[in-house]
Amino acid sequence: MSHHRLAATMLLALAGQLQAQTGTPDQQSPRAGAWYNVGPSFLVWQQQIRAGVAGTLEGIVLTLNGPQGSQMDVRIRLGDGPSVNPVLFSTQLTKATPDDEVVFVNMQASAIALTAGQTFVMETQGNDTMCGLIGNYVDPAMGPPLYPEPLFLGGTAFPAGWRHGFTSYMITGGPAPCYANCDASTTPPVLNVTDFSCFLNRFAAGDSYANCDQSTTPPVLNVGDFSCFLNAFAAGCT
C-alpha cells in the first residue's frame, strides 16, 4: 500500500470514529513526539485529567501503538493522581492494525458525572502484549508541559514534561452533576453513607475534590469543607 493510500485510509478511519461522538471536546493533550510502554502488566500508568466543563464523560480518544492484536486496559478513577478510588469504568482495547491506531473509548454507559474543575485519572495497563500509547514530551528547560496535569507511573509522579496523549469528550446541557454523589453511583438512592466514606477518604488524601467550599487560604482543606459537604448532601440531587 502506498504512503498516500495509507494516509487516506487512516483519515477515513479517524473520521468514522469521530462521527460516533456527540459530546463536546474538553481536555486535550497532543499525541505526538513521545511513546509510552503500556505493554508489561507491571506498569500501571495514571494520567490525571481535570474536567473543564460540567457534564457526563462521554469518552476519550487515544492513539495506540504496537503490533496488531496487542492489548491494554483502560480504567477511570475519580480524584487526583495517584488515585486508589473505585474503578468507575474499565475496558480492554485490542489493536486491529499494525499501524498507529486512533480509537475512541466510549465511556458514556458508565454515567461518570463530573463538575467543572473535578479531577479524575485515566489508568492504563498492559498484559504483556507489547502495546504502546502515543503522547508528548517537552524538556522542562524549554518550557511547560503540553498538558498541565501530572502523569504517574506505579503510584509515583513521572519526570516532568511527559504526558499521555488524549482528547476527552463531555456530554453537556443536561442536569448538572451532583457534587454530593462522591462515589458517582447511579443506583438509587444515589446519596448514601458511601458518599460520606468517599468524601472522608478524598479529604484524607488531600484530593482537590474535597475542597468543597473552594477556599484558597491555607489550609484549603479544613472543617469548612465538612460543613459544605453536609449541606450539599442535605440539599440532595435534583
C-alpha atoms as a PDB file:
ATOM      1  CA  MET A   1       0.000   0.000   0.000  1.00  0.00           C
ATOM      2  CA  SER A   2       1.377   3.459  -0.927  1.00  0.00           C
ATOM      3  CA  HIS A   3       2.010   6.117   1.723  1.00  0.00           C
ATOM      4  CA  HIS A   4      -0.757   8.282   0.224  1.00  0.00           C
ATOM      5  CA  ARG A   5      -3.260   5.444   0.284  1.00  0.00           C
ATOM      6  CA  LEU A   6      -2.277   4.519   3.847  1.00  0.00           C
ATOM      7  CA  ALA A   7      -2.717   8.129   4.992  1.00  0.00           C
ATOM      8  CA  ALA A   8      -6.130   8.321   3.307  1.00  0.00           C
ATOM      9  CA  THR A   9      -7.192   5.067   4.955  1.00  0.00           C
ATOM     10  CA  MET A  10      -6.154   6.348   8.389  1.00  0.00           C
ATOM     11  CA  LEU A  11      -8.011   9.633   7.863  1.00  0.00           C
ATOM     12  CA  LEU A  12     -11.173   7.814   6.819  1.00  0.00           C
ATOM     13  CA  ALA A  13     -10.941   5.550   9.870  1.00  0.00           C
ATOM     14  CA  LEU A  14     -10.480   8.549  12.136  1.00  0.00           C
ATOM     15  CA  ALA A  15     -13.441  10.348  10.567  1.00  0.00           C
ATOM     16  CA  GLY A  16     -15.643   7.303  11.113  1.00  0.00           C
ATOM     17  CA  GLN A  17     -14.655   7.093  14.758  1.00  0.00           C
ATOM     18  CA  LEU A  18     -15.232  10.790  15.406  1.00  0.00           C
ATOM     19  CA  GLN A  19     -18.703  10.614  13.866  1.00  0.00           C
ATOM     20  CA  ALA A  20     -19.715   8.351  16.757  1.00  0.00           C
ATOM     21  CA  GLN A  21     -19.015  11.138  19.230  1.00  0.00           C
ATOM     22  CA  THR A  22     -21.816  13.534  20.087  1.00  0.00           C
ATOM     23  CA  GLY A  23     -20.149  15.280  23.030  1.00  0.00           C
ATOM     24  CA  THR A  24     -18.023  18.400  23.311  1.00  0.00           C
ATOM     25  CA  PRO A  25     -14.207  18.158  23.174  1.00  0.00           C
ATOM     26  CA  ASP A  26     -12.953  19.140  26.620  1.00  0.00           C
ATOM     27  CA  GLN A  27      -9.366  18.356  27.592  1.00  0.00           C
ATOM     28  CA  GLN A  28      -6.622  17.717  25.049  1.00  0.00           C
ATOM     29  CA  SER A  29      -3.045  16.517  25.392  1.00  0.00           C
ATOM     30  CA  PRO A  30      -1.317  16.330  21.986  1.00  0.00           C
ATOM     31  CA  ARG A  31      -0.478  12.933  20.544  1.00  0.00           C
ATOM     32  CA  ALA A  32       2.957  13.500  19.024  1.00  0.00           C
ATOM     33  CA  GLY A  33       6.623  13.058  19.760  1.00  0.00           C
ATOM     34  CA  ALA A  34       6.623  10.534  22.604  1.00  0.00           C
ATOM     35  CA  TRP A  35       5.898   6.824  23.026  1.00  0.00           C
ATOM     36  CA  TYR A  36       4.848   5.136  26.275  1.00  0.00           C
ATOM     37  CA  ASN A  37       5.312   1.451  27.019  1.00  0.00           C
ATOM     38  CA  VAL A  38       1.940   0.129  28.176  1.00  0.00           C
ATOM     39  CA  GLY A  39       2.910  -3.456  27.374  1.00  0.00           C
ATOM     40  CA  PRO A  40       4.151  -5.014  30.645  1.00  0.00           C
ATOM     41  CA  SER A  41       1.423  -5.848  33.132  1.00  0.00           C
ATOM     42  CA  PHE A  42       3.544  -4.489  35.998  1.00  0.00           C
ATOM     43  CA  LEU A  43       3.480  -0.947  34.556  1.00  0.00           C
ATOM     44  CA  VAL A  44       0.380   0.936  35.719  1.00  0.00           C
ATOM     45  CA  TRP A  45       0.105   4.470  34.335  1.00  0.00           C
ATOM     46  CA  GLN A  46      -2.271   7.170  35.571  1.00  0.00           C
ATOM     47  CA  GLN A  47      -2.741  10.394  33.620  1.00  0.00           C
ATOM     48  CA  GLN A  48      -4.519  12.971  35.768  1.00  0.00           C
ATOM     49  CA  ILE A  49      -7.227  14.909  33.908  1.00  0.00           C
ATOM     50  CA  ARG A  50      -9.172  17.943  35.133  1.00  0.00           C
ATOM     51  CA  ALA A  51     -12.630  18.465  33.622  1.00  0.00           C
ATOM     52  CA  GLY A  52     -13.052  21.895  32.076  1.00  0.00           C
ATOM     53  CA  VAL A  53     -16.847  21.766  31.944  1.00  0.00           C
ATOM     54  CA  ALA A  54     -19.598  20.096  33.955  1.00  0.00           C
ATOM     55  CA  GLY A  55     -21.318  17.112  32.409  1.00  0.00           C
ATOM     56  CA  THR A  56     -21.032  13.382  31.803  1.00  0.00           C
ATOM     57  CA  LEU A  57     -17.810  11.863  30.476  1.00  0.00           C
ATOM     58  CA  GLU A  58     -18.647  10.553  27.001  1.00  0.00           C
ATOM     59  CA  GLY A  59     -15.232   9.071  26.284  1.00  0.00           C
ATOM     60  CA  ILE A  60     -11.575   9.590  25.446  1.00  0.00           C
ATOM     61  CA  VAL A  61      -9.678   9.410  22.139  1.00  0.00           C
ATOM     62  CA  LEU A  62      -6.293   7.651  22.294  1.00  0.00           C
ATOM     63  CA  THR A  63      -3.627   6.703  19.759  1.00  0.00           C
ATOM     64  CA  LEU A  64      -2.341   3.155  20.219  1.00  0.00           C
ATOM     65  CA  ASN A  65       0.996   1.865  19.012  1.00  0.00           C
ATOM     66  CA  GLY A  66       2.315  -1.688  18.785  1.00  0.00           C
ATOM     67  CA  PRO A  67       1.697  -4.938  16.935  1.00  0.00           C
ATOM     68  CA  GLN A  68      -1.701  -5.972  15.688  1.00  0.00           C
ATOM     69  CA  GLY A  69      -3.545  -7.865  18.421  1.00  0.00           C
ATOM     70  CA  SER A  70      -1.694  -6.171  21.297  1.00  0.00           C
ATOM     71  CA  GLN A  71      -3.897  -5.098  24.180  1.00  0.00           C
ATOM     72  CA  MET A  72      -4.174  -2.644  27.045  1.00  0.00           C
ATOM     73  CA  ASP A  73      -6.726  -1.990  29.773  1.00  0.00           C
ATOM     74  CA  VAL A  74      -8.206   1.472  30.320  1.00  0.00           C
ATOM     75  CA  ARG A  75      -9.833   2.434  33.615  1.00  0.00           C
ATOM     76  CA  ILE A  76     -11.278   5.608  35.092  1.00  0.00           C
ATOM     77  CA  ARG A  77     -10.975   6.541  38.771  1.00  0.00           C
ATOM     78  CA  LEU A  78     -12.074   9.790  40.380  1.00  0.00           C
ATOM     79  CA  GLY A  79      -9.690  12.049  42.274  1.00  0.00           C
ATOM     80  CA  ASP A  80      -6.185  13.428  41.996  1.00  0.00           C
ATOM     81  CA  GLY A  81      -3.446  11.048  40.948  1.00  0.00           C
ATOM     82  CA  PRO A  82      -2.246   8.663  42.062  1.00  0.00           C
ATOM     83  CA  SER A  83      -5.823   7.560  42.736  1.00  0.00           C
ATOM     84  CA  VAL A  84      -6.894   4.381  44.515  1.00  0.00           C
ATOM     85  CA  ASN A  85     -10.583   5.281  44.383  1.00  0.00           C
ATOM     86  CA  PRO A  86     -13.022   2.704  42.983  1.00  0.00           C
ATOM     87  CA  VAL A  87     -12.863   1.934  39.259  1.00  0.00           C
ATOM     88  CA  LEU A  88     -15.882   3.566  37.578  1.00  0.00           C
ATOM     89  CA  PHE A  89     -15.096   2.362  34.059  1.00  0.00           C
ATOM     90  CA  SER A  90     -12.944  -0.438  32.671  1.00  0.00           C
ATOM     91  CA  THR A  91     -12.405  -1.902  29.222  1.00  0.00           C
ATOM     92  CA  GLN A  92      -9.755  -3.745  27.232  1.00  0.00           C
ATOM     93  CA  LEU A  93      -8.553  -2.339  23.911  1.00  0.00           C
ATOM     94  CA  THR A  94      -7.168  -4.571  21.150  1.00  0.00           C
ATOM     95  CA  LYS A  95      -5.192  -3.130  18.237  1.00  0.00           C
ATOM     96  CA  ALA A  96      -6.871  -4.014  14.963  1.00  0.00           C
ATOM     97  CA  THR A  97      -3.969  -2.993  12.714  1.00  0.00           C
ATOM     98  CA  PRO A  98      -0.151  -2.958  12.890  1.00  0.00           C
ATOM     99  CA  ASP A  99      -0.127   0.835  12.332  1.00  0.00           C
ATOM    100  CA  ASP A 100      -0.680   3.654  14.816  1.00  0.00           C
ATOM    101  CA  GLU A 101      -4.384   3.418  15.552  1.00  0.00           C
ATOM    102  CA  VAL A 102      -6.719   6.184  16.736  1.00  0.00           C
ATOM    103  CA  VAL A 103      -9.540   4.831  18.907  1.00  0.00           C
ATOM    104  CA  PHE A 104     -12.483   6.394  20.686  1.00  0.00           C
ATOM    105  CA  VAL A 105     -13.071   4.730  24.069  1.00  0.00           C
ATOM    106  CA  ASN A 106     -16.794   5.201  24.699  1.00  0.00           C
ATOM    107  CA  MET A 107     -17.486   5.610  28.434  1.00  0.00           C
ATOM    108  CA  GLN A 108     -20.979   7.084  28.307  1.00  0.00           C
ATOM    109  CA  ALA A 109     -22.723   3.976  29.669  1.00  0.00           C
ATOM    110  CA  SER A 110     -20.812   4.351  32.957  1.00  0.00           C
ATOM    111  CA  ALA A 111     -22.550   7.720  33.582  1.00  0.00           C
ATOM    112  CA  ILE A 112     -19.485   9.374  35.146  1.00  0.00           C
ATOM    113  CA  ALA A 113     -20.747  12.817  36.161  1.00  0.00           C
ATOM    114  CA  LEU A 114     -18.088  15.497  36.629  1.00  0.00           C
ATOM    115  CA  THR A 115     -18.204  19.058  37.873  1.00  0.00           C
ATOM    116  CA  ALA A 116     -16.045  21.742  36.258  1.00  0.00           C
ATOM    117  CA  GLY A 117     -12.559  21.512  37.756  1.00  0.00           C
ATOM    118  CA  GLN A 118     -13.054  17.983  39.125  1.00  0.00           C
ATOM    119  CA  THR A 119     -10.098  15.629  38.657  1.00  0.00           C
ATOM    120  CA  PHE A 120     -10.021  12.006  37.575  1.00  0.00           C
ATOM    121  CA  VAL A 121      -7.348   9.655  36.295  1.00  0.00           C
ATOM    122  CA  MET A 122      -7.154   7.650  33.089  1.00  0.00           C
ATOM    123  CA  GLU A 123      -5.390   4.460  34.167  1.00  0.00           C
ATOM    124  CA  THR A 124      -3.710   2.270  31.550  1.00  0.00           C
ATOM    125  CA  GLN A 125      -2.123  -1.161  31.980  1.00  0.00           C
ATOM    126  CA  GLY A 126      -0.940  -3.787  29.510  1.00  0.00           C
ATOM    127  CA  ASN A 127      -0.974  -7.593  29.596  1.00  0.00           C
ATOM    128  CA  ASP A 128       2.489  -8.311  28.194  1.00  0.00           C
ATOM    129  CA  THR A 129       1.462  -7.996  24.526  1.00  0.00           C
ATOM    130  CA  MET A 130       3.731  -5.046  23.599  1.00  0.00           C
ATOM    131  CA  CYS A 131       1.062  -2.352  23.378  1.00  0.00           C
ATOM    132  CA  GLY A 132       2.095   1.292  23.409  1.00  0.00           C
ATOM    133  CA  LEU A 133       0.458   4.701  23.733  1.00  0.00           C
ATOM    134  CA  ILE A 134       1.381   7.911  21.907  1.00  0.00           C
ATOM    135  CA  GLY A 135       1.833  11.081  23.943  1.00  0.00           C
ATOM    136  CA  ASN A 136       4.141  14.059  24.174  1.00  0.00           C
ATOM    137  CA  TYR A 137       7.236  15.385  25.918  1.00  0.00           C
ATOM    138  CA  VAL A 138       8.691  18.839  26.499  1.00  0.00           C
ATOM    139  CA  ASP A 139      12.117  19.311  28.057  1.00  0.00           C
ATOM    140  CA  PRO A 140      11.409  21.267  31.287  1.00  0.00           C
ATOM    141  CA  ALA A 141      14.312  23.574  30.396  1.00  0.00           C
ATOM    142  CA  MET A 142      12.470  24.507  27.186  1.00  0.00           C
ATOM    143  CA  GLY A 143       9.046  25.291  28.648  1.00  0.00           C
ATOM    144  CA  PRO A 144       5.949  23.936  30.378  1.00  0.00           C
ATOM    145  CA  PRO A 145       4.425  20.543  29.520  1.00  0.00           C
ATOM    146  CA  LEU A 146       1.819  20.403  26.760  1.00  0.00           C
ATOM    147  CA  TYR A 147      -0.864  19.409  29.283  1.00  0.00           C
ATOM    148  CA  PRO A 148      -0.803  20.884  32.813  1.00  0.00           C
ATOM    149  CA  GLU A 149      -1.966  17.863  34.843  1.00  0.00           C
ATOM    150  CA  PRO A 150       0.674  15.321  36.000  1.00  0.00           C
ATOM    151  CA  LEU A 151       1.417  11.783  34.862  1.00  0.00           C
ATOM    152  CA  PHE A 152       2.063   8.944  37.342  1.00  0.00           C
ATOM    153  CA  LEU A 153       3.682   5.528  36.995  1.00  0.00           C
ATOM    154  CA  GLY A 154       3.288   2.911  39.710  1.00  0.00           C
ATOM    155  CA  GLY A 155       1.874   5.469  42.133  1.00  0.00           C
ATOM    156  CA  THR A 156       4.782   7.912  41.704  1.00  0.00           C
ATOM    157  CA  ALA A 157       4.897  11.157  39.737  1.00  0.00           C
ATOM    158  CA  PHE A 158       6.663  10.622  36.403  1.00  0.00           C
ATOM    159  CA  PRO A 159       9.514  13.016  35.493  1.00  0.00           C
ATOM    160  CA  ALA A 160       8.370  16.469  34.437  1.00  0.00           C
ATOM    161  CA  GLY A 161       7.412  17.144  30.845  1.00  0.00           C
ATOM    162  CA  TRP A 162       5.971  13.724  29.967  1.00  0.00           C
ATOM    163  CA  ARG A 163       2.237  13.377  29.269  1.00  0.00           C
ATOM    164  CA  HIS A 164      -0.029  10.763  27.723  1.00  0.00           C
ATOM    165  CA  GLY A 165      -1.852  11.930  24.609  1.00  0.00           C
ATOM    166  CA  PHE A 166      -5.660  12.077  24.617  1.00  0.00           C
ATOM    167  CA  THR A 167      -8.780  14.117  23.936  1.00  0.00           C
ATOM    168  CA  SER A 168     -11.679  13.844  26.371  1.00  0.00           C
ATOM    169  CA  TYR A 169     -15.300  14.423  25.379  1.00  0.00           C
ATOM    170  CA  MET A 170     -18.126  15.580  27.648  1.00  0.00           C
ATOM    171  CA  ILE A 171     -21.901  15.404  27.287  1.00  0.00           C
ATOM    172  CA  THR A 172     -23.180  18.776  28.474  1.00  0.00           C
ATOM    173  CA  GLY A 173     -26.508  20.581  28.589  1.00  0.00           C
ATOM    174  CA  GLY A 174     -28.281  18.072  30.841  1.00  0.00           C
ATOM    175  CA  PRO A 175     -28.785  18.216  34.600  1.00  0.00           C
ATOM    176  CA  ALA A 176     -25.716  19.433  36.479  1.00  0.00           C
ATOM    177  CA  PRO A 177     -23.691  16.654  38.122  1.00  0.00           C
ATOM    178  CA  CYS A 178     -24.440  16.255  41.819  1.00  0.00           C
ATOM    179  CA  TYR A 179     -21.406  17.186  43.929  1.00  0.00           C
ATOM    180  CA  ALA A 180     -22.562  15.217  46.987  1.00  0.00           C
ATOM    181  CA  ASN A 181     -22.645  11.978  44.952  1.00  0.00           C
ATOM    182  CA  CYS A 182     -18.951  11.495  45.695  1.00  0.00           C
ATOM    183  CA  ASP A 183     -18.807   7.867  44.563  1.00  0.00           C
ATOM    184  CA  ALA A 184     -20.691   8.678  41.321  1.00  0.00           C
ATOM    185  CA  SER A 185     -23.217   5.899  41.989  1.00  0.00           C
ATOM    186  CA  THR A 186     -26.272   5.610  39.762  1.00  0.00           C
ATOM    187  CA  THR A 187     -28.321   3.062  41.743  1.00  0.00           C
ATOM    188  CA  PRO A 188     -30.996   4.753  43.932  1.00  0.00           C
ATOM    189  CA  PRO A 189     -30.554   6.179  46.431  1.00  0.00           C
ATOM    190  CA  VAL A 190     -27.550   7.810  44.780  1.00  0.00           C
ATOM    191  CA  LEU A 191     -26.778   9.670  48.027  1.00  0.00           C
ATOM    192  CA  ASN A 192     -25.974   7.292  50.861  1.00  0.00           C
ATOM    193  CA  VAL A 193     -23.418   6.507  53.553  1.00  0.00           C
ATOM    194  CA  THR A 194     -20.786   5.508  50.992  1.00  0.00           C
ATOM    195  CA  ASP A 195     -20.666   9.114  49.816  1.00  0.00           C
ATOM    196  CA  PHE A 196     -19.543  10.151  53.307  1.00  0.00           C
ATOM    197  CA  SER A 197     -16.826   7.477  53.284  1.00  0.00           C
ATOM    198  CA  CYS A 198     -15.780   8.618  49.803  1.00  0.00           C
ATOM    199  CA  PHE A 199     -15.524  12.248  50.930  1.00  0.00           C
ATOM    200  CA  LEU A 200     -13.524  11.313  54.057  1.00  0.00           C
ATOM    201  CA  ASN A 201     -11.090   9.251  52.005  1.00  0.00           C
ATOM    202  CA  ARG A 202     -10.577  12.024  49.486  1.00  0.00           C
ATOM    203  CA  PHE A 203     -10.174  14.614  52.255  1.00  0.00           C
ATOM    204  CA  ALA A 204      -7.543  12.437  53.950  1.00  0.00           C
ATOM    205  CA  ALA A 205      -5.737  12.040  50.600  1.00  0.00           C
ATOM    206  CA  GLY A 206      -5.658  15.803  50.049  1.00  0.00           C
ATOM    207  CA  ASP A 207      -7.777  15.414  46.908  1.00  0.00           C
ATOM    208  CA  SER A 208      -8.876  18.717  45.329  1.00  0.00           C
ATOM    209  CA  TYR A 209     -12.460  17.386  45.194  1.00  0.00           C
ATOM    210  CA  ALA A 210     -12.610  17.672  48.995  1.00  0.00           C
ATOM    211  CA  ASN A 211     -12.193  21.457  48.801  1.00  0.00           C
ATOM    212  CA  CYS A 212     -15.978  21.751  48.789  1.00  0.00           C
ATOM    213  CA  ASP A 213     -16.066  25.434  49.754  1.00  0.00           C
ATOM    214  CA  GLN A 214     -13.431  26.291  47.098  1.00  0.00           C
ATOM    215  CA  SER A 215     -11.302  28.124  49.658  1.00  0.00           C
ATOM    216  CA  THR A 216      -7.828  29.297  48.642  1.00  0.00           C
ATOM    217  CA  THR A 217      -6.436  30.335  52.048  1.00  0.00           C
ATOM    218  CA  PRO A 218      -4.184  27.606  53.546  1.00  0.00           C
ATOM    219  CA  PRO A 219      -5.078  25.092  54.717  1.00  0.00           C
ATOM    220  CA  VAL A 220      -7.518  24.837  51.822  1.00  0.00           C
ATOM    221  CA  LEU A 221      -8.911  21.585  53.255  1.00  0.00           C
ATOM    222  CA  ASN A 222     -10.465  22.290  56.649  1.00  0.00           C
ATOM    223  CA  VAL A 223     -13.600  21.917  58.779  1.00  0.00           C
ATOM    224  CA  GLY A 224     -15.443  24.282  56.432  1.00  0.00           C
ATOM    225  CA  ASP A 225     -15.315  21.615  53.736  1.00  0.00           C
ATOM    226  CA  PHE A 226     -17.109  19.134  56.014  1.00  0.00           C
ATOM    227  CA  SER A 227     -19.908  21.650  56.647  1.00  0.00           C
ATOM    228  CA  CYS A 228     -20.079  22.377  52.920  1.00  0.00           C
ATOM    229  CA  PHE A 229     -20.362  18.677  52.040  1.00  0.00           C
ATOM    230  CA  LEU A 230     -23.060  18.098  54.697  1.00  0.00           C
ATOM    231  CA  ASN A 231     -25.070  20.981  53.243  1.00  0.00           C
ATOM    232  CA  ALA A 232     -24.671  19.612  49.708  1.00  0.00           C
ATOM    233  CA  PHE A 233     -25.738  16.149  50.876  1.00  0.00           C
ATOM    234  CA  ALA A 234     -28.787  17.569  52.692  1.00  0.00           C
ATOM    235  CA  ALA A 235     -29.787  19.507  49.578  1.00  0.00           C
ATOM    236  CA  GLY A 236     -29.878  16.234  47.615  1.00  0.00           C
ATOM    237  CA  CYS A 237     -29.566  15.626  43.895  1.00  0.00           C
ATOM    238  CA  THR A 238     -32.136  17.042  41.502  1.00  0.00           C
END
